[in-house]
Protein backbone atom coordinates (compact mmCIF):
# COMPACT_ATOMS: atom_id res chain seq x y z
CA MET A 1 -12.10 -25.75 74.21
CA THR A 2 -13.30 -24.35 77.54
CA PHE A 3 -16.59 -22.47 77.33
CA LYS A 4 -19.64 -21.44 79.34
CA ALA A 5 -22.03 -20.63 76.48
CA VAL A 6 -22.45 -21.18 72.76
CA ILE A 7 -23.47 -18.64 70.11
CA PHE A 8 -24.59 -19.87 66.70
CA ASP A 9 -24.92 -18.25 63.33
CA MET A 10 -28.16 -19.34 61.65
CA ASP A 11 -28.21 -19.36 57.83
CA GLY A 12 -25.91 -21.92 56.29
CA LEU A 13 -25.00 -23.29 59.70
CA LEU A 14 -28.20 -24.33 61.50
CA LEU A 15 -30.47 -24.01 58.47
CA ASP A 16 -29.73 -24.97 54.87
CA THR A 17 -30.85 -21.55 53.67
CA GLU A 18 -27.86 -20.29 51.71
CA ARG A 19 -28.74 -22.31 48.62
CA VAL A 20 -32.35 -21.12 48.80
CA CYS A 21 -31.16 -17.52 49.02
CA LEU A 22 -28.68 -17.94 46.15
CA GLN A 23 -31.36 -19.45 43.92
CA ALA A 24 -33.72 -16.60 44.78
CA PHE A 25 -31.04 -14.03 43.87
CA GLU A 26 -30.16 -15.77 40.61
CA LYS A 27 -33.85 -15.93 39.67
CA ALA A 28 -34.20 -12.20 40.40
CA CYS A 29 -31.24 -11.43 38.15
CA HIS A 30 -32.77 -13.42 35.29
CA THR A 31 -36.14 -11.73 35.81
CA LEU A 32 -34.58 -8.27 35.59
CA GLY A 33 -32.14 -9.08 32.80
CA ILE A 34 -29.09 -8.70 35.05
CA GLU A 35 -26.06 -10.97 34.73
CA PHE A 36 -25.72 -13.29 37.71
CA LEU A 37 -22.19 -12.90 39.09
CA GLU A 38 -21.61 -15.80 41.46
CA PRO A 39 -18.30 -14.61 43.01
CA GLU A 40 -19.89 -11.28 43.90
CA TYR A 41 -22.88 -13.07 45.40
CA LEU A 42 -20.74 -15.41 47.49
CA ALA A 43 -18.92 -12.38 48.93
CA ILE A 44 -22.12 -11.20 50.65
CA ILE A 45 -22.61 -14.35 52.72
CA GLY A 46 -22.59 -13.54 56.44
CA GLN A 47 -23.20 -9.81 55.98
CA ASN A 48 -26.21 -7.78 57.13
CA ALA A 49 -28.44 -5.77 54.77
CA GLN A 50 -26.15 -2.72 54.65
CA GLY A 51 -23.07 -4.82 53.96
CA ILE A 52 -24.87 -6.79 51.26
CA GLU A 53 -25.88 -3.61 49.46
CA ARG A 54 -22.34 -2.22 49.56
CA THR A 55 -20.88 -5.47 48.21
CA ILE A 56 -23.42 -5.83 45.39
CA ARG A 57 -23.06 -2.19 44.34
CA ALA A 58 -19.27 -2.56 44.32
CA GLY A 59 -19.32 -5.74 42.23
CA TYR A 60 -22.11 -4.94 39.76
CA PRO A 61 -22.38 -2.13 37.16
CA LYS A 62 -22.79 1.32 38.74
CA ASN A 63 -26.20 1.85 37.11
CA ILE A 64 -27.75 -1.21 38.81
CA ASP A 65 -31.18 -0.55 40.32
CA TYR A 66 -30.37 -2.21 43.63
CA PRO A 67 -33.69 -1.44 45.40
CA LYS A 68 -35.59 -3.13 42.56
CA LEU A 69 -33.20 -6.10 42.52
CA ARG A 70 -33.50 -6.55 46.28
CA LYS A 71 -37.31 -6.30 46.13
CA VAL A 72 -37.57 -9.13 43.57
CA TRP A 73 -34.86 -11.13 45.32
CA MET A 74 -36.54 -10.91 48.73
CA HIS A 75 -39.94 -11.72 47.22
CA ASN A 76 -38.48 -14.92 45.80
CA TYR A 77 -36.73 -15.76 49.06
CA HIS A 78 -39.58 -14.93 51.42
CA SER A 79 -42.03 -16.95 49.36
CA VAL A 80 -40.08 -19.95 50.62
CA SER A 81 -38.63 -18.94 54.01
CA GLU A 82 -41.81 -17.44 55.46
CA HIS A 83 -44.11 -20.28 54.53
CA GLN A 84 -42.25 -23.54 55.05
CA ALA A 85 -39.57 -25.13 57.18
CA ILE A 86 -36.08 -24.94 55.75
CA PRO A 87 -34.16 -28.19 56.40
CA VAL A 88 -31.71 -28.16 59.29
CA LYS A 89 -28.09 -29.02 58.62
CA GLU A 90 -26.49 -32.33 59.53
CA GLY A 91 -25.86 -32.74 63.26
CA VAL A 92 -27.83 -29.69 64.40
CA ILE A 93 -30.37 -31.43 66.62
CA GLU A 94 -27.78 -33.77 68.11
CA LEU A 95 -25.50 -30.86 69.02
CA LEU A 96 -28.29 -28.70 70.46
CA GLU A 97 -29.67 -31.59 72.51
CA TRP A 98 -26.21 -32.42 73.86
CA LEU A 99 -25.53 -28.82 74.88
CA LYS A 100 -28.99 -28.62 76.46
CA SER A 101 -28.29 -31.78 78.46
CA LYS A 102 -25.13 -30.14 79.78
CA GLY A 103 -27.04 -27.03 80.85
CA ILE A 104 -25.00 -24.80 78.53
CA PRO A 105 -26.86 -21.60 77.50
CA MET A 106 -27.20 -21.01 73.76
CA ALA A 107 -27.94 -17.98 71.58
CA VAL A 108 -28.12 -17.03 67.92
CA ALA A 109 -26.24 -14.16 66.24
CA THR A 110 -27.54 -13.84 62.69
CA SER A 111 -27.35 -11.23 59.95
CA THR A 112 -31.02 -11.96 59.20
CA ASP A 113 -33.46 -9.25 60.33
CA LYS A 114 -35.37 -9.42 63.61
CA ARG A 115 -38.74 -10.12 61.99
CA LEU A 116 -37.68 -13.09 59.86
CA ALA A 117 -35.12 -14.86 62.05
CA PRO A 118 -37.63 -16.14 64.67
CA ILE A 119 -40.00 -17.29 61.91
CA LYS A 120 -37.29 -19.43 60.33
CA LEU A 121 -36.18 -20.88 63.66
CA LYS A 122 -39.74 -21.68 64.73
CA PHE A 123 -40.58 -23.38 61.42
CA ALA A 124 -37.47 -25.53 61.86
CA GLY A 125 -38.35 -26.38 65.48
CA LEU A 126 -35.17 -24.76 66.84
CA TYR A 127 -36.37 -21.53 68.44
CA ASP A 128 -36.88 -22.86 71.98
CA TYR A 129 -33.28 -24.01 72.28
CA PHE A 130 -32.02 -20.42 72.46
CA GLU A 131 -32.08 -17.84 75.23
CA SER A 132 -31.81 -14.96 72.77
CA VAL A 133 -31.65 -14.18 69.06
CA THR A 134 -29.50 -11.20 68.08
CA CYS A 135 -30.03 -9.92 64.53
CA GLY A 136 -28.16 -7.84 61.98
CA CYS A 137 -30.65 -4.98 62.18
CA GLU A 138 -29.83 -4.53 65.87
CA VAL A 139 -26.21 -3.50 65.33
CA THR A 140 -24.56 -0.59 63.55
CA HIS A 141 -21.87 -2.68 61.90
CA GLY A 142 -22.57 -6.17 60.53
CA LYS A 143 -20.20 -9.11 60.21
CA PRO A 144 -17.19 -9.19 59.79
CA ASP A 145 -17.36 -6.50 62.48
CA PRO A 146 -17.49 -8.12 65.97
CA GLU A 147 -20.41 -5.99 67.22
CA ILE A 148 -23.13 -8.62 66.83
CA TYR A 149 -21.16 -11.26 68.75
CA VAL A 150 -20.30 -8.81 71.52
CA LEU A 151 -24.00 -7.98 71.87
CA ALA A 152 -25.06 -11.65 71.81
CA ALA A 153 -22.55 -12.49 74.57
CA LYS A 154 -23.71 -9.49 76.60
CA ARG A 155 -27.30 -10.73 76.42
CA LEU A 156 -26.12 -14.05 77.83
CA ASN A 157 -24.23 -12.13 80.53
CA ILE A 158 -21.07 -14.07 79.69
CA ASP A 159 -17.72 -12.65 78.60
CA PRO A 160 -17.08 -13.39 74.89
CA VAL A 161 -13.83 -15.21 75.72
CA TYR A 162 -15.91 -17.88 77.48
CA CYS A 163 -18.26 -18.30 74.50
CA LEU A 164 -17.92 -20.91 71.78
CA GLY A 165 -19.03 -19.57 68.40
CA PHE A 166 -20.23 -21.58 65.41
CA GLU A 167 -20.13 -20.13 61.89
CA ASP A 168 -20.16 -21.24 58.28
CA SER A 169 -18.99 -18.06 56.55
CA ASN A 170 -15.60 -16.39 56.47
CA ASN A 171 -17.18 -13.04 57.40
CA GLY A 172 -18.80 -14.65 60.42
CA VAL A 173 -15.57 -16.26 61.59
CA ARG A 174 -13.76 -12.93 61.28
CA ALA A 175 -16.48 -11.34 63.42
CA GLY A 176 -16.32 -14.01 66.08
CA VAL A 177 -12.53 -14.02 66.32
CA ALA A 178 -12.49 -10.22 66.55
CA ALA A 179 -15.00 -10.49 69.41
CA GLN A 180 -12.61 -12.98 71.11
CA LEU A 181 -14.93 -15.99 70.91
CA GLN A 182 -13.51 -19.50 70.49
CA MET A 183 -14.64 -20.09 66.92
CA VAL A 184 -15.65 -23.24 65.08
CA GLN A 185 -16.28 -23.09 61.34
CA ILE A 186 -18.48 -25.49 59.37
CA PRO A 187 -18.03 -24.31 55.75
CA ASP A 188 -21.13 -24.25 53.53
CA LEU A 189 -21.10 -22.52 50.13
CA VAL A 190 -17.81 -20.72 50.67
CA ILE A 191 -14.59 -22.50 51.61
CA PRO A 192 -12.26 -20.88 54.18
CA THR A 193 -9.73 -18.54 52.61
CA LYS A 194 -6.05 -18.67 53.52
CA ASP A 195 -6.29 -15.57 55.69
CA VAL A 196 -9.26 -17.02 57.57
CA ILE A 197 -7.54 -20.39 58.08
CA ALA A 198 -4.60 -18.45 59.51
CA LEU A 199 -6.83 -17.23 62.35
CA GLY A 200 -6.26 -20.63 63.93
CA HIS A 201 -9.86 -21.56 64.73
CA HIS A 202 -11.36 -25.05 64.50
CA ILE A 203 -12.74 -26.19 61.13
CA PHE A 204 -14.96 -29.28 60.74
CA PRO A 205 -16.92 -30.67 57.76
CA SER A 206 -20.17 -30.84 59.77
CA LEU A 207 -21.69 -30.10 63.15
CA LYS A 208 -21.77 -33.85 63.71
CA ASP A 209 -17.97 -33.91 63.50
CA ALA A 210 -17.73 -30.88 65.78
CA LEU A 211 -19.94 -32.60 68.36
CA TYR A 212 -17.72 -35.68 68.28
CA GLN A 213 -14.71 -33.51 69.11
CA LEU A 214 -16.54 -31.64 71.87
CA LYS A 215 -17.42 -34.94 73.53
CA GLN A 216 -13.73 -35.89 73.48
CA ASP A 217 -12.73 -32.56 75.03
CA ILE A 218 -15.24 -32.58 77.90
């Protein structure tokens, strides 16, 4: 892997937020008397707000009151994410410190909105590692579309082909590959599907394992 910069997803990769978000969604469903459909929920991981709404509406009954569901869901989620640090995933600090020591610029490309993403990164003590944070609300098309990764690379002033991308979700990997990044996947709640594995990117069980490989390559 030859690269000049690194672009990270955030939720489920740097921060152990996906379980918090799932629990908040499940609690909202129970509150509103809606059946919790786990496969449909897992399909939204990595998408921005517009993509999430499309996926939920497609998988749930047509008469679902999505605005009400999202309001309760986000209330549950924000009551945690806006007021306390969410744990970082295994190997995060070690990887960020190693890249920093090498003088490699880093950025975040997350489906989370522009208001919340910095809050979560600052609570976790990660914000200052990154030169920029590109969010889902800043692009027209969310992951798996490549737009967010193209924009993140542009903000670093580095061609996407010279960027290493880290993702946990299948949608995120698809986005990164389409943007021509060299992708590394660290699966979280969703395992890589056959079509995603066929993309030929690197897959590791943790960022710690990915760091070990990077040290062998450089």
